[in-house]
């Protein structure tokens, strides 16, 4: 694999991640779970910053614009939801959907960690040490986010996704991510 191919795949993967977090934010907003919505909104903005930084790194260090591969819609939001309003969602559907959303988040972060680690090895094998060191930051970021996603999933499953507990926890989660969003320096 060439450096160009590696960065093309990294950039494309990041764009897919942006789509996933944007859709998960809308997904949880539709379910009335403002804490989870804000969590994914935060991850969308931090990962957008990472995407921009990676693009700028490639352009300034390799003097090219990376080719973005075609990215399919991750379709996080079920097609059937578009015919309903938020008031149509009953407790059973809401709880099941929260579990599915968390599972998709964990699955994505696991996939991303493995992918970034593979690209790190590819860059190292090409003796592109500076680029691999730069990528190491993203590996650490995704490792932290994966641990967070797994913890959130574990806490929810510890109460069998009890609706009352999940709803009660939304205000705390919302405040946490609202504060973190204010701390992001996008420039």
N, C-alpha and C. Protein backbone atom coordinates (compact mmCIF):
# COMPACT_ATOMS: atom_id res chain seq x y z
N UNK A 1 0.85 -1.18 0.00
CA UNK A 1 0.00 0.00 0.00
C UNK A 1 0.89 1.24 0.00
N UNK A 2 0.52 2.23 -0.78
CA UNK A 2 1.30 3.47 -0.85
C UNK A 2 0.82 4.46 0.21
N UNK A 3 1.62 5.48 0.42
CA UNK A 3 1.24 6.54 1.36
C UNK A 3 -0.06 7.20 0.88
N UNK A 4 -0.16 7.43 -0.41
CA UNK A 4 -1.38 8.04 -0.97
C UNK A 4 -2.61 7.18 -0.67
N UNK A 5 -2.49 5.88 -0.85
CA UNK A 5 -3.61 4.97 -0.59
C UNK A 5 -3.97 4.95 0.90
N UNK A 6 -2.96 4.98 1.75
CA UNK A 6 -3.19 4.97 3.20
C UNK A 6 -3.97 6.21 3.61
N UNK A 7 -3.51 7.38 3.17
CA UNK A 7 -4.20 8.61 3.55
C UNK A 7 -5.59 8.70 2.91
N UNK A 8 -5.73 8.21 1.72
CA UNK A 8 -7.04 8.18 1.09
C UNK A 8 -8.01 7.35 1.93
N UNK A 9 -7.56 6.19 2.39
CA UNK A 9 -8.41 5.34 3.23
C UNK A 9 -8.68 5.98 4.59
N UNK A 10 -7.67 6.60 5.18
CA UNK A 10 -7.86 7.27 6.48
C UNK A 10 -8.89 8.39 6.37
N UNK A 11 -8.73 9.23 5.35
CA UNK A 11 -9.65 10.35 5.15
C UNK A 11 -11.08 9.84 4.93
N UNK A 12 -11.22 8.84 4.10
CA UNK A 12 -12.55 8.29 3.81
C UNK A 12 -13.18 7.68 5.06
N UNK A 13 -12.38 7.01 5.86
CA UNK A 13 -12.88 6.41 7.10
C UNK A 13 -13.35 7.50 8.06
N UNK A 14 -12.60 8.58 8.12
CA UNK A 14 -12.99 9.68 9.00
C UNK A 14 -14.30 10.31 8.55
N UNK A 15 -14.49 10.45 7.26
CA UNK A 15 -15.75 11.01 6.75
C UNK A 15 -16.92 10.09 7.13
N UNK A 16 -16.71 8.79 7.00
CA UNK A 16 -17.76 7.85 7.42
C UNK A 16 -18.05 8.00 8.91
N UNK A 17 -17.01 8.18 9.71
CA UNK A 17 -17.20 8.39 11.14
C UNK A 17 -18.00 9.64 11.45
N UNK A 18 -17.75 10.70 10.68
CA UNK A 18 -18.53 11.93 10.85
C UNK A 18 -20.00 11.66 10.56
N UNK A 19 -20.25 10.91 9.51
CA UNK A 19 -21.63 10.57 9.16
C UNK A 19 -22.29 9.75 10.27
N UNK A 20 -21.55 8.82 10.83
CA UNK A 20 -22.09 7.96 11.88
C UNK A 20 -22.45 8.78 13.11
N UNK A 21 -21.54 9.65 13.55
CA UNK A 21 -21.83 10.45 14.75
C UNK A 21 -22.95 11.45 14.50
N UNK A 22 -23.02 12.03 13.31
CA UNK A 22 -24.12 12.94 13.00
C UNK A 22 -25.46 12.19 13.05
N UNK A 23 -25.47 11.00 12.47
CA UNK A 23 -26.71 10.21 12.47
C UNK A 23 -27.07 9.72 13.86
N UNK A 24 -26.07 9.31 14.65
CA UNK A 24 -26.36 8.88 16.02
C UNK A 24 -26.90 10.04 16.86
N UNK A 25 -26.39 11.24 16.61
CA UNK A 25 -26.91 12.41 17.32
C UNK A 25 -28.39 12.62 16.99
N UNK A 26 -28.73 12.54 15.71
CA UNK A 26 -30.14 12.68 15.30
C UNK A 26 -30.98 11.52 15.82
N UNK A 27 -30.43 10.34 15.79
CA UNK A 27 -31.08 9.11 16.26
C UNK A 27 -31.52 9.28 17.72
N UNK A 28 -30.57 9.70 18.56
CA UNK A 28 -30.90 9.87 19.97
C UNK A 28 -31.77 11.10 20.22
N UNK A 29 -31.60 12.13 19.40
CA UNK A 29 -32.48 13.29 19.51
C UNK A 29 -33.93 12.90 19.24
N UNK A 30 -34.14 12.07 18.23
CA UNK A 30 -35.47 11.58 17.91
C UNK A 30 -36.06 10.77 19.06
N UNK A 31 -35.20 10.00 19.74
CA UNK A 31 -35.66 9.18 20.86
C UNK A 31 -35.84 9.99 22.15
N UNK A 32 -35.47 11.26 22.11
CA UNK A 32 -35.62 12.11 23.29
C UNK A 32 -34.52 11.90 24.32
N UNK A 33 -33.39 11.40 23.89
CA UNK A 33 -32.27 11.12 24.79
C UNK A 33 -31.20 12.19 24.59
N UNK A 34 -31.43 13.35 25.21
CA UNK A 34 -30.60 14.52 24.95
C UNK A 34 -29.14 14.34 25.37
N UNK A 35 -28.88 13.54 26.38
CA UNK A 35 -27.50 13.30 26.80
C UNK A 35 -26.73 12.53 25.75
N UNK A 36 -27.32 11.46 25.24
CA UNK A 36 -26.68 10.68 24.19
C UNK A 36 -26.55 11.50 22.91
N UNK A 37 -27.56 12.32 22.65
CA UNK A 37 -27.52 13.19 21.48
C UNK A 37 -26.31 14.13 21.57
N UNK A 38 -26.13 14.74 22.71
CA UNK A 38 -25.02 15.69 22.90
C UNK A 38 -23.67 14.98 22.86
N UNK A 39 -23.62 13.76 23.37
CA UNK A 39 -22.41 12.95 23.32
C UNK A 39 -21.94 12.77 21.87
N UNK A 40 -22.84 12.39 21.00
CA UNK A 40 -22.47 12.16 19.61
C UNK A 40 -22.25 13.46 18.85
N UNK A 41 -22.90 14.51 19.28
CA UNK A 41 -22.63 15.83 18.71
C UNK A 41 -21.19 16.24 19.03
N UNK A 42 -20.78 16.00 20.27
CA UNK A 42 -19.41 16.28 20.69
C UNK A 42 -18.41 15.46 19.86
N UNK A 43 -18.67 14.18 19.72
CA UNK A 43 -17.75 13.33 18.94
C UNK A 43 -17.73 13.75 17.47
N UNK A 44 -18.84 14.20 16.95
CA UNK A 44 -18.87 14.70 15.58
C UNK A 44 -17.90 15.88 15.43
N UNK A 45 -17.99 16.84 16.34
CA UNK A 45 -17.14 18.03 16.23
C UNK A 45 -15.67 17.73 16.48
N UNK A 46 -15.35 16.87 17.44
CA UNK A 46 -13.94 16.56 17.68
C UNK A 46 -13.36 15.76 16.52
N UNK A 47 -14.15 14.88 15.96
CA UNK A 47 -13.65 14.09 14.84
C UNK A 47 -13.59 14.91 13.55
N UNK A 48 -14.45 15.91 13.44
CA UNK A 48 -14.35 16.82 12.31
C UNK A 48 -13.03 17.61 12.40
N UNK A 49 -12.67 18.00 13.60
CA UNK A 49 -11.39 18.69 13.81
C UNK A 49 -10.23 17.76 13.44
N UNK A 50 -10.32 16.51 13.85
CA UNK A 50 -9.27 15.53 13.49
C UNK A 50 -9.19 15.33 11.98
N UNK A 51 -10.34 15.27 11.33
CA UNK A 51 -10.40 15.13 9.88
C UNK A 51 -9.68 16.30 9.20
N UNK A 52 -10.01 17.52 9.63
CA UNK A 52 -9.38 18.71 9.06
C UNK A 52 -7.87 18.69 9.30
N UNK A 53 -7.46 18.31 10.50
CA UNK A 53 -6.03 18.25 10.82
C UNK A 53 -5.31 17.22 9.96
N UNK A 54 -5.94 16.08 9.73
CA UNK A 54 -5.33 15.05 8.90
C UNK A 54 -5.21 15.53 7.45
N UNK A 55 -6.25 16.17 6.95
CA UNK A 55 -6.20 16.72 5.59
C UNK A 55 -5.06 17.73 5.47
N UNK A 56 -4.98 18.63 6.42
CA UNK A 56 -3.94 19.65 6.39
C UNK A 56 -2.54 19.04 6.52
N UNK A 57 -2.42 17.99 7.33
CA UNK A 57 -1.14 17.31 7.47
C UNK A 57 -0.71 16.73 6.13
N UNK A 58 -1.60 16.03 5.49
CA UNK A 58 -1.27 15.39 4.22
C UNK A 58 -0.92 16.42 3.15
N UNK A 59 -1.72 17.46 3.07
CA UNK A 59 -1.47 18.49 2.07
C UNK A 59 -0.12 19.17 2.32
N UNK A 60 0.17 19.50 3.57
CA UNK A 60 1.41 20.23 3.85
C UNK A 60 2.65 19.35 3.84
N UNK A 61 2.51 18.06 4.14
CA UNK A 61 3.69 17.18 4.18
C UNK A 61 3.91 16.38 2.90
N UNK A 62 2.85 16.15 2.15
CA UNK A 62 2.98 15.36 0.91
C UNK A 62 2.64 16.17 -0.33
N UNK A 63 2.19 17.41 -0.12
CA UNK A 63 1.93 18.35 -1.21
C UNK A 63 0.90 17.85 -2.22
N UNK A 64 -0.08 17.13 -1.72
CA UNK A 64 -1.16 16.60 -2.55
C UNK A 64 -2.47 16.71 -1.78
N UNK A 65 -3.56 16.57 -2.51
CA UNK A 65 -4.88 16.45 -1.89
C UNK A 65 -5.24 14.97 -1.96
N UNK A 66 -5.59 14.36 -0.83
CA UNK A 66 -5.91 12.93 -0.88
C UNK A 66 -7.24 12.67 -1.59
N UNK A 67 -7.30 11.57 -2.28
CA UNK A 67 -8.53 11.16 -2.94
C UNK A 67 -9.45 10.57 -1.88
N UNK A 68 -10.68 11.08 -1.84
CA UNK A 68 -11.66 10.50 -0.92
C UNK A 68 -12.42 9.42 -1.67
N UNK A 69 -12.43 8.23 -1.10
CA UNK A 69 -13.17 7.13 -1.69
C UNK A 69 -14.66 7.37 -1.52
N UNK A 70 -15.45 6.77 -2.37
CA UNK A 70 -16.91 6.86 -2.24
C UNK A 70 -17.33 6.21 -0.93
N UNK A 71 -18.16 6.90 -0.20
CA UNK A 71 -18.60 6.40 1.11
C UNK A 71 -20.10 6.18 1.07
N UNK A 72 -20.49 4.97 1.42
CA UNK A 72 -21.92 4.66 1.49
C UNK A 72 -22.51 5.25 2.76
N UNK A 73 -23.78 5.59 2.68
CA UNK A 73 -24.51 6.07 3.85
C UNK A 73 -24.52 4.96 4.90
N UNK A 74 -24.07 5.24 6.12
CA UNK A 74 -24.06 4.19 7.14
C UNK A 74 -25.46 3.76 7.60
N UNK A 75 -26.48 4.52 7.24
CA UNK A 75 -27.88 4.16 7.55
C UNK A 75 -28.09 3.76 9.00
N UNK A 76 -27.66 4.61 9.91
CA UNK A 76 -27.87 4.36 11.34
C UNK A 76 -29.36 4.48 11.68
N UNK A 77 -30.01 5.46 11.09
CA UNK A 77 -31.44 5.67 11.37
C UNK A 77 -32.25 4.72 10.49
N UNK A 78 -33.08 3.88 11.12
CA UNK A 78 -33.91 2.95 10.33
C UNK A 78 -34.85 3.70 9.38
N UNK A 79 -34.98 3.20 8.19
CA UNK A 79 -35.82 3.82 7.17
C UNK A 79 -37.26 4.04 7.66
N UNK A 80 -37.76 3.10 8.44
CA UNK A 80 -39.15 3.19 8.92
C UNK A 80 -39.40 4.38 9.84
N UNK A 81 -38.35 4.92 10.47
CA UNK A 81 -38.52 6.03 11.40
C UNK A 81 -39.00 7.30 10.71
N UNK A 82 -38.74 7.44 9.45
CA UNK A 82 -39.07 8.68 8.76
C UNK A 82 -40.58 8.91 8.62
N UNK A 83 -41.37 7.89 8.88
CA UNK A 83 -42.82 8.05 8.78
C UNK A 83 -43.48 8.34 10.13
N UNK A 84 -42.69 8.43 11.19
CA UNK A 84 -43.23 8.63 12.53
C UNK A 84 -42.77 9.95 13.14
N UNK A 85 -43.48 10.36 14.18
CA UNK A 85 -43.04 11.50 14.98
C UNK A 85 -42.47 10.95 16.29
N UNK A 86 -41.82 11.81 17.03
CA UNK A 86 -41.23 11.39 18.30
C UNK A 86 -42.29 10.84 19.26
N UNK A 87 -43.49 11.37 19.18
CA UNK A 87 -44.57 10.94 20.08
C UNK A 87 -45.04 9.52 19.77
N UNK A 88 -44.73 9.02 18.58
CA UNK A 88 -45.14 7.67 18.20
C UNK A 88 -44.26 6.59 18.80
N UNK A 89 -43.13 6.97 19.37
CA UNK A 89 -42.17 5.99 19.89
C UNK A 89 -42.59 5.56 21.30
N UNK A 90 -42.87 4.26 21.43
CA UNK A 90 -43.24 3.76 22.76
C UNK A 90 -41.99 3.35 23.53
N UNK A 91 -42.17 3.04 24.79
CA UNK A 91 -41.04 2.73 25.68
C UNK A 91 -40.25 1.51 25.20
N UNK A 92 -40.94 0.51 24.73
CA UNK A 92 -40.28 -0.71 24.27
C UNK A 92 -39.36 -0.44 23.07
N UNK A 93 -39.88 0.31 22.11
CA UNK A 93 -39.09 0.66 20.92
C UNK A 93 -37.91 1.53 21.33
N UNK A 94 -38.16 2.48 22.23
CA UNK A 94 -37.11 3.40 22.68
C UNK A 94 -35.96 2.61 23.33
N UNK A 95 -36.27 1.71 24.25
CA UNK A 95 -35.23 0.94 24.95
C UNK A 95 -34.46 0.06 23.96
N UNK A 96 -35.18 -0.63 23.10
CA UNK A 96 -34.52 -1.48 22.10
C UNK A 96 -33.62 -0.64 21.18
N UNK A 97 -34.10 0.53 20.79
CA UNK A 97 -33.33 1.40 19.91
C UNK A 97 -32.08 1.95 20.60
N UNK A 98 -32.19 2.26 21.86
CA UNK A 98 -31.02 2.74 22.62
C UNK A 98 -29.95 1.66 22.64
N UNK A 99 -30.36 0.44 22.89
CA UNK A 99 -29.41 -0.68 22.91
C UNK A 99 -28.76 -0.86 21.54
N UNK A 100 -29.56 -0.82 20.49
CA UNK A 100 -29.03 -0.97 19.13
C UNK A 100 -28.04 0.17 18.82
N UNK A 101 -28.40 1.40 19.19
CA UNK A 101 -27.52 2.54 18.95
C UNK A 101 -26.19 2.40 19.66
N UNK A 102 -26.24 1.96 20.90
CA UNK A 102 -24.99 1.76 21.66
C UNK A 102 -24.14 0.65 21.03
N UNK A 103 -24.80 -0.41 20.61
CA UNK A 103 -24.06 -1.50 19.97
C UNK A 103 -23.38 -1.02 18.68
N UNK A 104 -24.08 -0.19 17.91
CA UNK A 104 -23.49 0.34 16.66
C UNK A 104 -22.30 1.23 16.97
N UNK A 105 -22.40 2.02 18.02
CA UNK A 105 -21.30 2.91 18.41
C UNK A 105 -20.07 2.09 18.80
N UNK A 106 -20.27 1.09 19.67
CA UNK A 106 -19.16 0.25 20.11
C UNK A 106 -18.54 -0.47 18.91
N UNK A 107 -19.38 -1.03 18.06
CA UNK A 107 -18.89 -1.75 16.87
C UNK A 107 -18.06 -0.83 15.98
N UNK A 108 -18.51 0.39 15.76
CA UNK A 108 -17.78 1.34 14.92
C UNK A 108 -16.42 1.68 15.53
N UNK A 109 -16.39 1.95 16.82
CA UNK A 109 -15.13 2.33 17.47
C UNK A 109 -14.14 1.16 17.47
N UNK A 110 -14.62 -0.06 17.64
CA UNK A 110 -13.73 -1.23 17.55
C UNK A 110 -13.14 -1.34 16.15
N UNK A 111 -13.99 -1.19 15.16
CA UNK A 111 -13.56 -1.27 13.76
C UNK A 111 -12.54 -0.17 13.46
N UNK A 112 -12.79 1.02 13.96
CA UNK A 112 -11.91 2.15 13.73
C UNK A 112 -10.55 1.94 14.38
N UNK A 113 -10.54 1.44 15.59
CA UNK A 113 -9.27 1.20 16.29
C UNK A 113 -8.42 0.20 15.51
N UNK A 114 -9.01 -0.89 15.11
CA UNK A 114 -8.28 -1.91 14.34
C UNK A 114 -7.76 -1.30 13.03
N UNK A 115 -8.60 -0.54 12.36
CA UNK A 115 -8.21 0.08 11.09
C UNK A 115 -7.04 1.05 11.27
N UNK A 116 -7.14 1.95 12.25
CA UNK A 116 -6.05 2.90 12.49
C UNK A 116 -4.76 2.20 12.85
N UNK A 117 -4.86 1.14 13.64
CA UNK A 117 -3.65 0.38 13.99
C UNK A 117 -3.02 -0.26 12.76
N UNK A 118 -3.86 -0.76 11.86
CA UNK A 118 -3.34 -1.34 10.61
C UNK A 118 -2.64 -0.27 9.77
N UNK A 119 -3.24 0.90 9.68
CA UNK A 119 -2.65 1.98 8.89
C UNK A 119 -1.35 2.48 9.54
N UNK A 120 -1.31 2.48 10.87
CA UNK A 120 -0.08 2.82 11.59
C UNK A 120 1.04 1.87 11.19
N UNK A 121 0.74 0.58 11.17
CA UNK A 121 1.75 -0.42 10.79
C UNK A 121 2.17 -0.24 9.33
N UNK A 122 1.21 0.05 8.47
CA UNK A 122 1.53 0.28 7.06
C UNK A 122 2.49 1.46 6.91
N UNK A 123 2.19 2.56 7.60
CA UNK A 123 3.06 3.73 7.52
C UNK A 123 4.45 3.43 8.10
N UNK A 124 4.49 2.69 9.19
CA UNK A 124 5.76 2.32 9.80
C UNK A 124 6.57 1.44 8.86
N UNK A 125 5.91 0.48 8.21
CA UNK A 125 6.59 -0.40 7.26
C UNK A 125 7.16 0.36 6.07
N UNK A 126 6.50 1.47 5.72
CA UNK A 126 6.99 2.31 4.63
C UNK A 126 8.06 3.30 5.11
N UNK A 127 8.39 3.19 6.39
CA UNK A 127 9.37 4.08 7.04
C UNK A 127 8.89 5.54 7.04
N UNK A 128 7.59 5.71 7.08
CA UNK A 128 6.96 7.03 7.22
C UNK A 128 6.70 7.25 8.71
N UNK A 129 7.79 7.40 9.45
CA UNK A 129 7.72 7.43 10.91
C UNK A 129 6.97 8.66 11.42
N UNK A 130 7.25 9.81 10.87
CA UNK A 130 6.55 11.02 11.32
C UNK A 130 5.04 10.89 11.12
N UNK A 131 4.63 10.37 9.98
CA UNK A 131 3.19 10.18 9.72
C UNK A 131 2.60 9.15 10.66
N UNK A 132 3.34 8.08 10.95
CA UNK A 132 2.81 7.06 11.87
C UNK A 132 2.69 7.62 13.28
N UNK A 133 3.64 8.47 13.67
CA UNK A 133 3.57 9.10 15.00
C UNK A 133 2.35 10.03 15.08
N UNK A 134 2.10 10.76 13.99
CA UNK A 134 0.93 11.63 13.94
C UNK A 134 -0.35 10.79 14.07
N UNK A 135 -0.39 9.65 13.40
CA UNK A 135 -1.57 8.78 13.45
C UNK A 135 -1.76 8.17 14.84
N UNK A 136 -0.68 8.02 15.56
CA UNK A 136 -0.75 7.45 16.93
C UNK A 136 -1.74 8.23 17.80
N UNK A 137 -1.80 9.55 17.64
CA UNK A 137 -2.74 10.38 18.41
C UNK A 137 -4.18 9.94 18.16
N UNK A 138 -4.49 9.64 16.89
CA UNK A 138 -5.85 9.23 16.56
C UNK A 138 -6.15 7.83 17.12
N UNK A 139 -5.16 7.00 17.17
CA UNK A 139 -5.34 5.67 17.77
C UNK A 139 -5.64 5.82 19.25
N UNK A 140 -4.93 6.69 19.91
CA UNK A 140 -5.19 6.93 21.34
C UNK A 140 -6.56 7.54 21.56
N UNK A 141 -6.97 8.46 20.69
CA UNK A 141 -8.30 9.06 20.79
C UNK A 141 -9.39 8.00 20.65
N UNK A 142 -9.26 7.15 19.64
CA UNK A 142 -10.31 6.15 19.42
C UNK A 142 -10.30 5.10 20.52
N UNK A 143 -9.14 4.79 21.06
CA UNK A 143 -9.06 3.84 22.17
C UNK A 143 -9.81 4.39 23.38
N UNK A 144 -9.63 5.67 23.63
CA UNK A 144 -10.34 6.33 24.74
C UNK A 144 -11.85 6.35 24.49
N UNK A 145 -12.24 6.67 23.26
CA UNK A 145 -13.67 6.71 22.93
C UNK A 145 -14.29 5.31 22.99
N UNK A 146 -13.55 4.31 22.57
CA UNK A 146 -14.04 2.93 22.65
C UNK A 146 -14.28 2.54 24.10
N UNK A 147 -13.35 2.87 24.98
CA UNK A 147 -13.52 2.57 26.40
C UNK A 147 -14.76 3.28 26.95
N UNK A 148 -14.95 4.53 26.53
CA UNK A 148 -16.12 5.31 26.95
C UNK A 148 -17.42 4.67 26.44
N UNK A 149 -17.43 4.27 25.18
CA UNK A 149 -18.62 3.64 24.60
C UNK A 149 -18.94 2.32 25.31
N UNK A 150 -17.92 1.54 25.56
CA UNK A 150 -18.11 0.25 26.26
C UNK A 150 -18.63 0.48 27.68
N UNK A 151 -18.10 1.50 28.35
CA UNK A 151 -18.56 1.81 29.71
C UNK A 151 -20.01 2.26 29.71
N UNK A 152 -20.37 3.11 28.76
CA UNK A 152 -21.75 3.58 28.66
C UNK A 152 -22.69 2.40 28.40
N UNK A 153 -22.28 1.51 27.52
CA UNK A 153 -23.07 0.31 27.20
C UNK A 153 -23.18 -0.60 28.41
N UNK A 154 -22.09 -0.76 29.14
CA UNK A 154 -22.07 -1.61 30.34
C UNK A 154 -22.99 -1.06 31.42
N UNK A 155 -22.93 0.24 31.65
CA UNK A 155 -23.79 0.86 32.67
C UNK A 155 -25.27 0.71 32.31
N UNK A 156 -25.59 0.88 31.05
CA UNK A 156 -26.99 0.74 30.62
C UNK A 156 -27.45 -0.71 30.75
N UNK A 157 -26.59 -1.64 30.38
CA UNK A 157 -26.99 -3.05 30.44
C UNK A 157 -27.03 -3.57 31.88
N UNK A 158 -26.30 -2.92 32.79
CA UNK A 158 -26.31 -3.34 34.20
C UNK A 158 -27.70 -3.20 34.81
N UNK A 159 -28.50 -2.31 34.26
CA UNK A 159 -29.88 -2.13 34.74
C UNK A 159 -30.88 -2.66 33.71
N UNK A 160 -30.41 -3.55 32.83
CA UNK A 160 -31.26 -4.10 31.76
C UNK A 160 -31.91 -3.01 30.93
N UNK A 161 -31.17 -1.94 30.69
CA UNK A 161 -31.66 -0.81 29.90
C UNK A 161 -32.97 -0.27 30.47
N UNK A 162 -33.00 -0.16 31.78
CA UNK A 162 -34.17 0.37 32.48
C UNK A 162 -34.44 1.81 32.03
N UNK A 163 -35.63 2.04 31.52
CA UNK A 163 -35.99 3.34 30.95
C UNK A 163 -35.84 4.47 31.96
N UNK A 164 -36.27 4.24 33.16
CA UNK A 164 -36.20 5.28 34.19
C UNK A 164 -34.75 5.68 34.47
N UNK A 165 -33.88 4.69 34.59
CA UNK A 165 -32.46 4.98 34.84
C UNK A 165 -31.83 5.72 33.67
N UNK A 166 -32.15 5.27 32.45
CA UNK A 166 -31.57 5.91 31.26
C UNK A 166 -32.02 7.36 31.15
N UNK A 167 -33.29 7.61 31.38
CA UNK A 167 -33.82 8.97 31.29
C UNK A 167 -33.22 9.84 32.39
N UNK A 168 -33.13 9.30 33.59
CA UNK A 168 -32.56 10.06 34.72
C UNK A 168 -31.11 10.46 34.45
N UNK A 169 -30.39 9.65 33.73
CA UNK A 169 -28.97 9.88 33.47
C UNK A 169 -28.73 10.90 32.36
N UNK A 170 -29.74 11.23 31.57
CA UNK A 170 -29.54 12.09 30.40
C UNK A 170 -29.07 13.50 30.77
N UNK A 171 -29.58 14.06 31.84
CA UNK A 171 -29.20 15.42 32.21
C UNK A 171 -27.71 15.49 32.58
N UNK A 172 -27.22 14.50 33.31
CA UNK A 172 -25.80 14.45 33.69
C UNK A 172 -24.93 14.33 32.44
N UNK A 173 -25.31 13.44 31.54
CA UNK A 173 -24.55 13.22 30.32
C UNK A 173 -24.58 14.48 29.44
N UNK A 174 -25.74 15.09 29.34
CA UNK A 174 -25.89 16.30 28.54
C UNK A 174 -24.94 17.39 29.05
N UNK A 175 -24.96 17.64 30.36
CA UNK A 175 -24.10 18.68 30.95
C UNK A 175 -22.62 18.38 30.72
N UNK A 176 -22.26 17.12 30.86
CA UNK A 176 -20.86 16.71 30.65
C UNK A 176 -20.40 17.06 29.24
N UNK A 177 -21.19 16.71 28.24
CA UNK A 177 -20.79 16.94 26.85
C UNK A 177 -20.98 18.39 26.41
N UNK A 178 -21.93 19.07 26.99
CA UNK A 178 -22.10 20.50 26.69
C UNK A 178 -20.84 21.24 27.14
N UNK A 179 -20.34 20.89 28.31
CA UNK A 179 -19.11 21.50 28.83
C UNK A 179 -17.92 21.15 27.93
N UNK A 180 -17.83 19.88 27.53
CA UNK A 180 -16.73 19.45 26.67
C UNK A 180 -16.78 20.15 25.30
N UNK A 181 -18.00 20.37 24.81
CA UNK A 181 -18.14 21.07 23.52
C UNK A 181 -17.61 22.50 23.62
N UNK A 182 -17.85 23.15 24.74
CA UNK A 182 -17.37 24.53 24.93
C UNK A 182 -15.85 24.58 25.00
N UNK A 183 -15.22 23.47 25.41
CA UNK A 183 -13.76 23.42 25.56
C UNK A 183 -13.04 23.15 24.26
N UNK A 184 -13.77 22.71 23.24
CA UNK A 184 -13.13 22.39 21.95
C UNK A 184 -12.67 23.68 21.29
N UNK A 185 -11.44 23.69 20.89
CA UNK A 185 -10.90 24.80 20.13
C UNK A 185 -10.84 24.35 18.67
N UNK A 186 -11.81 24.81 17.90
CA UNK A 186 -11.91 24.35 16.51
C UNK A 186 -10.88 25.00 15.59
N UNK A 187 -10.28 26.07 16.01
CA UNK A 187 -9.27 26.74 15.16
C UNK A 187 -7.91 26.64 15.80
